[in-house]
C-alpha atoms as a PDB file:
ATOM      1  CA  MET A   1      20.839  -5.171  17.367  1.00  0.00           C
ATOM      2  CA  ALA A   2      21.582  -8.780  18.231  1.00  0.00           C
ATOM      3  CA  GLN A   3      24.324  -9.443  20.760  1.00  0.00           C
ATOM      4  CA  GLY A   4      27.544 -11.086  19.744  1.00  0.00           C
ATOM      5  CA  CYS A   5      30.056 -10.327  17.058  1.00  0.00           C
ATOM      6  CA  PRO A   6      28.311  -7.978  14.607  1.00  0.00           C
ATOM      7  CA  TYR A   7      30.551  -8.777  11.655  1.00  0.00           C
ATOM      8  CA  LEU A   8      31.016 -12.352  10.587  1.00  0.00           C
ATOM      9  CA  PRO A   9      34.256 -12.897   8.620  1.00  0.00           C
ATOM     10  CA  LEU A  10      33.767 -15.864   6.318  1.00  0.00           C
ATOM     11  CA  THR A  11      36.392 -18.105   4.759  1.00  0.00           C
ATOM     12  CA  PRO A  12      36.181 -18.933   1.009  1.00  0.00           C
ATOM     13  CA  LEU A  13      34.846 -22.387   1.883  1.00  0.00           C
ATOM     14  CA  LEU A  14      32.195 -20.901   4.114  1.00  0.00           C
ATOM     15  CA  LEU A  15      31.314 -18.363   1.454  1.00  0.00           C
ATOM     16  CA  ALA A  16      30.740 -21.166  -1.041  1.00  0.00           C
ATOM     17  CA  LEU A  17      28.417 -22.829   1.436  1.00  0.00           C
ATOM     18  CA  LEU A  18      26.524 -19.578   1.899  1.00  0.00           C
ATOM     19  CA  VAL A  19      26.043 -19.086  -1.806  1.00  0.00           C
ATOM     20  CA  SER A  20      25.037 -22.680  -2.387  1.00  0.00           C
ATOM     21  CA  GLY A  21      22.717 -22.990   0.593  1.00  0.00           C
ATOM     22  CA  SER A  22      21.703 -26.394   1.918  1.00  0.00           C
ATOM     23  CA  TRP A  23      22.271 -29.611  -0.003  1.00  0.00           C
ATOM     24  CA  GLY A  24      24.108 -27.815  -2.789  1.00  0.00           C
ATOM     25  CA  VAL A  25      20.997 -26.092  -4.142  1.00  0.00           C
ATOM     26  CA  ILE A  26      21.807 -22.732  -5.698  1.00  0.00           C
ATOM     27  CA  VAL A  27      20.192 -19.831  -3.850  1.00  0.00           C
ATOM     28  CA  GLU A  28      19.156 -17.399  -6.553  1.00  0.00           C
ATOM     29  CA  PRO A  29      19.135 -13.730  -5.525  1.00  0.00           C
ATOM     30  CA  GLU A  30      15.690 -12.166  -5.449  1.00  0.00           C
ATOM     31  CA  GLU A  31      14.495  -8.576  -5.179  1.00  0.00           C
ATOM     32  CA  LEU A  32      11.766  -7.377  -2.843  1.00  0.00           C
ATOM     33  CA  HIS A  33      10.235  -3.901  -2.913  1.00  0.00           C
ATOM     34  CA  GLY A  34       8.791  -1.981   0.014  1.00  0.00           C
ATOM     35  CA  VAL A  35       7.395   1.486   0.689  1.00  0.00           C
ATOM     36  CA  VAL A  36       8.587   3.831   3.411  1.00  0.00           C
ATOM     37  CA  GLY A  37       6.438   3.503   6.529  1.00  0.00           C
ATOM     38  CA  GLN A  38       4.943   0.146   5.629  1.00  0.00           C
ATOM     39  CA  THR A  39       5.611  -3.312   7.102  1.00  0.00           C
ATOM     40  CA  LEU A  40       7.460  -6.058   5.260  1.00  0.00           C
ATOM     41  CA  SER A  41       6.923  -9.728   6.113  1.00  0.00           C
ATOM     42  CA  MET A  42       8.795 -12.614   4.528  1.00  0.00           C
ATOM     43  CA  ARG A  43       8.962 -16.372   4.992  1.00  0.00           C
ATOM     44  CA  CYS A  44      11.998 -18.628   4.791  1.00  0.00           C
ATOM     45  CA  GLN A  45      11.414 -22.368   4.422  1.00  0.00           C
ATOM     46  CA  TYR A  46      13.631 -25.360   5.182  1.00  0.00           C
ATOM     47  CA  MET A  47      13.319 -29.095   5.795  1.00  0.00           C
ATOM     48  CA  PRO A  48      11.366 -29.707   9.033  1.00  0.00           C
ATOM     49  CA  LYS A  49      13.517 -31.256  11.743  1.00  0.00           C
ATOM     50  CA  THR A  50      13.483 -32.283  15.387  1.00  0.00           C
ATOM     51  CA  GLY A  51      16.264 -32.522  17.934  1.00  0.00           C
ATOM     52  CA  PRO A  52      18.601 -29.795  19.196  1.00  0.00           C
ATOM     53  CA  TYR A  53      17.421 -26.394  18.125  1.00  0.00           C
ATOM     54  CA  VAL A  54      19.357 -24.532  15.420  1.00  0.00           C
ATOM     55  CA  PRO A  55      18.878 -20.733  15.598  1.00  0.00           C
ATOM     56  CA  LYS A  56      17.652 -18.844  12.556  1.00  0.00           C
ATOM     57  CA  THR A  57      18.879 -15.387  11.579  1.00  0.00           C
ATOM     58  CA  TRP A  58      18.159 -12.363   9.412  1.00  0.00           C
ATOM     59  CA  CYS A  59      21.535 -11.065   8.288  1.00  0.00           C
ATOM     60  CA  GLN A  60      22.452  -7.912   6.320  1.00  0.00           C
ATOM     61  CA  GLN A  61      25.223  -8.455   3.802  1.00  0.00           C
ATOM     62  CA  THR A  62      27.950  -5.821   4.126  1.00  0.00           C
ATOM     63  CA  ALA A  63      30.508  -7.335   1.725  1.00  0.00           C
ATOM     64  CA  PRO A  64      30.809 -10.432  -0.461  1.00  0.00           C
ATOM     65  CA  ASN A  65      32.164 -12.373   2.527  1.00  0.00           C
ATOM     66  CA  ARG A  66      30.709 -10.439   5.455  1.00  0.00           C
ATOM     67  CA  CYS A  67      27.317  -9.888   7.042  1.00  0.00           C
ATOM     68  CA  THR A  68      25.800  -8.317  10.139  1.00  0.00           C
ATOM     69  CA  ARG A  69      23.182 -10.259  12.046  1.00  0.00           C
ATOM     70  CA  VAL A  70      20.097  -8.084  12.463  1.00  0.00           C
ATOM     71  CA  VAL A  71      17.930 -10.426  14.530  1.00  0.00           C
ATOM     72  CA  THR A  72      18.392 -14.076  15.552  1.00  0.00           C
ATOM     73  CA  THR A  73      16.114 -16.605  17.254  1.00  0.00           C
ATOM     74  CA  THR A  74      17.111 -18.239  20.529  1.00  0.00           C
ATOM     75  CA  GLN A  75      14.374 -20.859  20.835  1.00  0.00           C
ATOM     76  CA  PRO A  76      11.547 -22.276  18.702  1.00  0.00           C
ATOM     77  CA  ARG A  77       8.085 -20.738  18.503  1.00  0.00           C
ATOM     78  CA  THR A  78       9.194 -17.693  20.482  1.00  0.00           C
ATOM     79  CA  ALA A  79       9.496 -14.305  18.827  1.00  0.00           C
ATOM     80  CA  ALA A  80      12.827 -12.496  19.029  1.00  0.00           C
ATOM     81  CA  ASN A  81      12.738  -8.710  18.657  1.00  0.00           C
ATOM     82  CA  GLU A  82      15.431  -6.197  17.768  1.00  0.00           C
ATOM     83  CA  GLN A  83      14.077  -2.665  17.353  1.00  0.00           C
ATOM     84  CA  ARG A  84      11.897  -2.799  14.196  1.00  0.00           C
ATOM     85  CA  HIS A  85      12.789  -6.415  13.373  1.00  0.00           C
ATOM     86  CA  THR A  86      11.044  -9.567  14.577  1.00  0.00           C
ATOM     87  CA  ILE A  87      11.765 -13.219  13.805  1.00  0.00           C
ATOM     88  CA  TRP A  88       9.664 -16.279  14.674  1.00  0.00           C
ATOM     89  CA  ASP A  89      10.613 -19.901  13.941  1.00  0.00           C
ATOM     90  CA  ASP A  90       8.728 -23.212  13.883  1.00  0.00           C
ATOM     91  CA  PRO A  91      11.268 -25.996  13.194  1.00  0.00           C
ATOM     92  CA  GLU A  92       8.648 -28.746  13.149  1.00  0.00           C
ATOM     93  CA  ALA A  93       6.733 -26.931  10.407  1.00  0.00           C
ATOM     94  CA  GLY A  94       9.957 -26.041   8.591  1.00  0.00           C
ATOM     95  CA  PHE A  95       9.748 -22.277   8.225  1.00  0.00           C
ATOM     96  CA  PHE A  96      10.472 -19.013   9.997  1.00  0.00           C
ATOM     97  CA  ILE A  97       9.094 -15.505   9.530  1.00  0.00           C
ATOM     98  CA  ILE A  98      10.871 -12.145   9.492  1.00  0.00           C
ATOM     99  CA  ASN A  99       8.880  -8.979  10.091  1.00  0.00           C
ATOM    100  CA  VAL A 100      10.284  -5.453   9.501  1.00  0.00           C
ATOM    101  CA  THR A 101       8.070  -2.553  10.595  1.00  0.00           C
ATOM    102  CA  GLN A 102       8.197   1.136   9.621  1.00  0.00           C
ATOM    103  CA  LEU A 103      10.425   0.611   6.601  1.00  0.00           C
ATOM    104  CA  LYS A 104      13.055   3.253   5.846  1.00  0.00           C
ATOM    105  CA  GLU A 105      15.010   3.991   2.688  1.00  0.00           C
ATOM    106  CA  THR A 106      18.168   3.129   4.631  1.00  0.00           C
ATOM    107  CA  ASP A 107      16.832  -0.434   4.973  1.00  0.00           C
ATOM    108  CA  SER A 108      17.603  -0.964   1.290  1.00  0.00           C
ATOM    109  CA  ALA A 109      20.385  -3.568   1.196  1.00  0.00           C
ATOM    110  CA  PRO A 110      21.059  -7.237   0.424  1.00  0.00           C
ATOM    111  CA  TYR A 111      20.031  -9.677   3.170  1.00  0.00           C
ATOM    112  CA  TRP A 112      20.290 -13.378   3.952  1.00  0.00           C
ATOM    113  CA  CYS A 113      17.893 -15.503   5.933  1.00  0.00           C
ATOM    114  CA  GLY A 114      19.193 -18.855   7.098  1.00  0.00           C
ATOM    115  CA  HIS A 115      20.486 -21.184   9.816  1.00  0.00           C
ATOM    116  CA  TYR A 116      23.017 -19.722  12.220  1.00  0.00           C
ATOM    117  CA  ASN A 117      25.778 -21.886  13.707  1.00  0.00           C
ATOM    118  CA  ALA A 118      27.074 -19.896  16.674  1.00  0.00           C
ATOM    119  CA  SER A 119      30.046 -22.173  17.384  1.00  0.00           C
ATOM    120  CA  HIS A 120      31.380 -21.887  13.821  1.00  0.00           C
ATOM    121  CA  ARG A 121      29.964 -18.375  13.268  1.00  0.00           C
ATOM    122  CA  MET A 122      28.415 -19.662  10.074  1.00  0.00           C
ATOM    123  CA  VAL A 123      25.214 -18.770   8.266  1.00  0.00           C
ATOM    124  CA  THR A 124      23.676 -21.272   5.858  1.00  0.00           C
ATOM    125  CA  VAL A 125      21.666 -19.172   3.428  1.00  0.00           C
ATOM    126  CA  LEU A 126      18.099 -20.150   2.585  1.00  0.00           C
ATOM    127  CA  ARG A 127      17.132 -16.971   0.739  1.00  0.00           C
ATOM    128  CA  ASN A 128      19.294 -14.238  -0.779  1.00  0.00           C
ATOM    129  CA  ILE A 129      17.147 -11.094  -0.775  1.00  0.00           C
ATOM    130  CA  SER A 130      17.855  -7.635  -2.138  1.00  0.00           C
ATOM    131  CA  LEU A 131      15.494  -5.233  -0.365  1.00  0.00           C
ATOM    132  CA  VAL A 132      14.578  -1.972  -2.120  1.00  0.00           C
ATOM    133  CA  VAL A 133      12.628   0.597  -0.078  1.00  0.00           C
ATOM    134  CA  SER A 134      11.328   3.736  -1.794  1.00  0.00           C
ATOM    135  CA  LEU A 135       8.909   6.583  -1.214  1.00  0.00           C
ATOM    136  CA  ALA A 136       5.329   6.038  -2.282  1.00  0.00           C
ATOM    137  CA  THR A 137       4.068   7.707  -5.470  1.00  0.00           C
ATOM    138  CA  PHE A 138       0.556   9.058  -5.066  1.00  0.00           C
ATOM    139  CA  PHE A 139      -2.027   9.700  -7.744  1.00  0.00           C
ATOM    140  CA  PHE A 140      -5.549  11.085  -7.469  1.00  0.00           C
ATOM    141  CA  ALA A 141      -6.865   7.607  -6.882  1.00  0.00           C
ATOM    142  CA  PHE A 142      -8.773   6.381  -3.867  1.00  0.00           C
ATOM    143  CA  PRO A 143      -8.427   4.072  -2.030  1.00  0.00           C
ATOM    144  CA  LEU A 144      -4.883   2.729  -2.172  1.00  0.00           C
ATOM    145  CA  VAL A 145      -4.721  -0.980  -3.016  1.00  0.00           C
ATOM    146  CA  LEU A 146      -1.802  -3.313  -2.425  1.00  0.00           C
ATOM    147  CA  ILE A 147      -1.528  -6.768  -3.997  1.00  0.00           C
ATOM    148  CA  THR A 148      -0.441  -9.461  -1.568  1.00  0.00           C
ATOM    149  CA  SER A 149      -0.146 -13.211  -1.711  1.00  0.00           C
ATOM    150  CA  ALA A 150      -2.130 -15.710   0.326  1.00  0.00           C
ATOM    151  CA  GLU A 151      -1.528 -15.620   4.050  1.00  0.00           C
ATOM    152  CA  THR A 152      -0.384 -18.439   6.277  1.00  0.00           C
ATOM    153  CA  SER A 153      -1.993 -18.560   9.693  1.00  0.00           C
ATOM    154  CA  VAL A 154       0.783 -18.417  12.270  1.00  0.00           C
ATOM    155  CA  PRO A 155       1.104 -16.472  15.506  1.00  0.00           C
ATOM    156  CA  SER A 156       1.585 -12.728  15.140  1.00  0.00           C
ATOM    157  CA  THR A 157       4.256 -11.153  17.276  1.00  0.00           C
ATOM    158  CA  ASN A 158       2.887  -7.631  17.536  1.00  0.00           C
ATOM    159  CA  ASP A 159      -0.889  -8.250  17.344  1.00  0.00           C
ATOM    160  CA  THR A 160      -1.184  -5.843  14.403  1.00  0.00           C
ATOM    161  CA  GLU A 161       0.165  -7.795  11.436  1.00  0.00           C
ATOM    162  CA  HIS A 162      -0.474 -11.272  10.045  1.00  0.00           C
ATOM    163  CA  TRP A 163       2.400 -13.314   8.732  1.00  0.00           C
ATOM    164  CA  ASN A 164       2.164 -13.687   4.966  1.00  0.00           C
ATOM    165  CA  GLY A 165       2.773 -16.982   3.249  1.00  0.00           C
ATOM    166  CA  ASN A 166       5.301 -15.513   0.823  1.00  0.00           C
ATOM    167  CA  SER A 167       7.527 -12.466   0.633  1.00  0.00           C
ATOM    168  CA  THR A 168       5.256  -9.454   0.306  1.00  0.00           C
ATOM    169  CA  SER A 169       4.434  -6.070   1.713  1.00  0.00           C
ATOM    170  CA  SER A 170       1.698  -6.004   4.369  1.00  0.00           C
ATOM    171  CA  PHE A 171      -0.834  -3.215   4.465  1.00  0.00           C
ATOM    172  CA  ASP A 172      -0.182  -0.770   7.309  1.00  0.00           C
ATOM    173  CA  TRP A 173      -3.329   1.192   8.152  1.00  0.00           C
ATOM    174  CA  THR A 174      -1.353   3.675  10.263  1.00  0.00           C
ATOM    175  CA  SER A 175       1.264   4.493   7.658  1.00  0.00           C
ATOM    176  CA  PRO A 176       1.697   8.185   6.685  1.00  0.00           C
ATOM    177  CA  GLY A 177       1.345   7.227   3.032  1.00  0.00           C
ATOM    178  CA  LEU A 178      -2.190   5.950   3.571  1.00  0.00           C
ATOM    179  CA  LEU A 179      -3.198   9.129   5.414  1.00  0.00           C
ATOM    180  CA  VAL A 180      -1.905  11.289   2.554  1.00  0.00           C
ATOM    181  CA  SER A 181      -3.791   9.108   0.076  1.00  0.00           C
ATOM    182  CA  VAL A 182      -7.009   9.548   2.073  1.00  0.00           C
ATOM    183  CA  GLN A 183      -6.526  13.323   2.125  1.00  0.00           C
ATOM    184  CA  TYR A 184      -6.010  13.404  -1.637  1.00  0.00           C
ATOM    185  CA  GLY A 185      -9.114  11.275  -2.090  1.00  0.00           C
ATOM    186  CA  LEU A 186     -11.233  13.583   0.055  1.00  0.00           C
ATOM    187  CA  LEU A 187      -9.921  16.618  -1.842  1.00  0.00           C
ATOM    188  CA  LEU A 188     -10.846  14.964  -5.131  1.00  0.00           C
ATOM    189  CA  LEU A 189     -14.348  14.217  -3.847  1.00  0.00           C
ATOM    190  CA  LYS A 190     -14.774  17.869  -2.818  1.00  0.00           C
ATOM    191  CA  VAL A 191     -13.696  19.045  -6.279  1.00  0.00           C
ATOM    192  CA  LEU A 192     -16.150  16.653  -7.929  1.00  0.00           C
ATOM    193  CA  ALA A 193     -18.974  17.787  -5.616  1.00  0.00           C
ATOM    194  CA  LEU A 194     -18.304  21.460  -6.418  1.00  0.00           C
ATOM    195  CA  SER A 195     -18.231  20.660 -10.145  1.00  0.00           C
ATOM    196  CA  VAL A 196     -21.607  18.901  -9.946  1.00  0.00           C
ATOM    197  CA  LEU A 197     -23.072  21.814  -7.965  1.00  0.00           C
ATOM    198  CA  TRP A 198     -21.798  24.301 -10.550  1.00  0.00           C
ATOM    199  CA  VAL A 199     -23.386  22.306 -13.394  1.00  0.00           C
ATOM    200  CA  ILE A 200     -26.711  22.161 -11.520  1.00  0.00           C
ATOM    201  CA  LEU A 201     -26.680  25.927 -10.924  1.00  0.00           C
ATOM    202  CA  CYS A 202     -25.922  26.602 -14.601  1.00  0.00           C
ATOM    203  CA  CYS A 203     -28.815  24.360 -15.667  1.00  0.00           C
ATOM    204  CA  ARG A 204     -31.217  26.115 -13.309  1.00  0.00           C
ATOM    205  CA  CYS A 205     -30.110  29.548 -14.524  1.00  0.00           C
ATOM    206  CA  TYR A 206     -30.671  28.463 -18.116  1.00  0.00           C
ATOM    207  CA  GLN A 207     -34.127  27.091 -17.297  1.00  0.00           C
ATOM    208  CA  THR A 208     -35.022  30.346 -15.509  1.00  0.00           C
ATOM    209  CA  MET A 209     -33.958  32.418 -18.524  1.00  0.00           C
ATOM    210  CA  VAL A 210     -36.006  30.230 -20.878  1.00  0.00           C
ATOM    211  CA  MET A 211     -39.076  30.527 -18.657  1.00  0.00           C
ATOM    212  CA  MET A 212     -38.689  34.323 -18.450  1.00  0.00           C
ATOM    213  CA  GLU A 213     -38.419  34.594 -22.235  1.00  0.00           C
ATOM    214  CA  HIS A 214     -41.471  32.377 -22.627  1.00  0.00           C
ATOM    215  CA  CYS A 215     -43.477  34.449 -20.147  1.00  0.00           C
ATOM    216  CA  GLU A 216     -42.426  37.685 -21.858  1.00  0.00           C
ATOM    217  CA  TYR A 217     -43.415  36.293 -25.238  1.00  0.00           C
ATOM    218  CA  SER A 218     -46.775  35.163 -23.870  1.00  0.00           C
ATOM    219  CA  SER A 219     -47.407  38.602 -22.333  1.00  0.00           C
ATOM    220  CA  ILE A 220     -46.645  40.342 -25.608  1.00  0.00           C
ATOM    221  CA  ALA A 221     -48.917  37.948 -27.483  1.00  0.00           C
ATOM    222  CA  GLU A 222     -51.762  38.493 -25.017  1.00  0.00           C
ATOM    223  CA  ALA A 223     -51.281  42.260 -25.175  1.00  0.00           C
ATOM    224  CA  SER A 224     -51.362  42.194 -28.969  1.00  0.00           C
ATOM    225  CA  GLU A 225     -54.469  40.037 -28.951  1.00  0.00           C
ATOM    226  CA  SER A 226     -56.192  42.352 -26.473  1.00  0.00           C
ATOM    227  CA  LEU A 227     -55.268  45.434 -28.518  1.00  0.00           C
ATOM    228  CA  GLY A 228     -56.655  43.836 -31.669  1.00  0.00           C
ATOM    229  CA  THR A 229     -59.927  43.042 -29.922  1.00  0.00           C
ATOM    230  CA  PHE A 230     -60.196  46.597 -28.609  1.00  0.00           C
ATOM    231  CA  ASN A 231     -59.647  48.060 -32.100  1.00  0.00           C
ATOM    232  CA  HIS A 232     -62.273  45.736 -33.481  1.00  0.00           C
ATOM    233  CA  ILE A 233     -64.850  46.807 -30.895  1.00  0.00           C
ATOM    234  CA  SER A 234     -64.040  50.509 -31.359  1.00  0.00           C
ATOM    235  CA  GLY A 235     -64.464  50.236 -35.093  1.00  0.00           C
ATOM    236  CA  HIS A 236     -67.769  48.452 -34.679  1.00  0.00           C
ATOM    237  CA  ARG A 237     -69.111  51.147 -32.352  1.00  0.00           C
ATOM    238  CA  LYS A 238     -67.928  53.881 -34.694  1.00  0.00           C
ATOM    239  CA  ASN A 239     -69.809  52.249 -37.596  1.00  0.00           C
ATOM    240  CA  THR A 240     -72.929  51.882 -35.474  1.00  0.00           C
ATOM    241  CA  TYR A 241     -73.230  55.486 -34.322  1.00  0.00           C
ATOM    242  CA  SER A 242     -72.064  57.228 -37.461  1.00  0.00           C
ATOM    243  CA  PRO A 243     -74.847  59.523 -39.019  1.00  0.00           C
END
């Protein structure tokens, strides 16, 4: 976790600033959903600025007037990492990115992203996010598709994920959920293949039975025709040689 005081006691005045955000604009709470094992990327925007650098932070709310900083930047355009959390800030562009890998159900909690004033131990909230992480629900469907928003091209901090333009869940090709989905898909394909093979075998058996019945009928007809011819010839000979 980030160094420094983990819990930030906030005065009522500071709390009002946190809830209101910058310039008195109300920061509406929003809910984001993630799946265990996947990666979550989110973007926090602010007015671009130059001058002395103001750190940005990803903070977990622990009480109405308390939060714990999870990861905080120390300089612009340089990724800061804390275990599964990464943050990257570009003050000239006016946004920073938070990346959380290998989501867990215990990650479910309210969070703030915003400016961090170390001297006043103050966080100015830009987004108020309630994160909900749950287990994936699998159906016999293949492949698994996730809907994401358009991506913004910015440097990736772990060379495996791209930063998304908005808050969304990134697709993790190594997640256990995807592997289970692939296994279910392969099992379904095997069942379908066996079903098709069974239908083909049944059709061939039916065709064989029909052909055998036809051949048997033809043999009987030929035998009857031959017997009739023989009787006709015998009768003719008998009439010829009779005294």
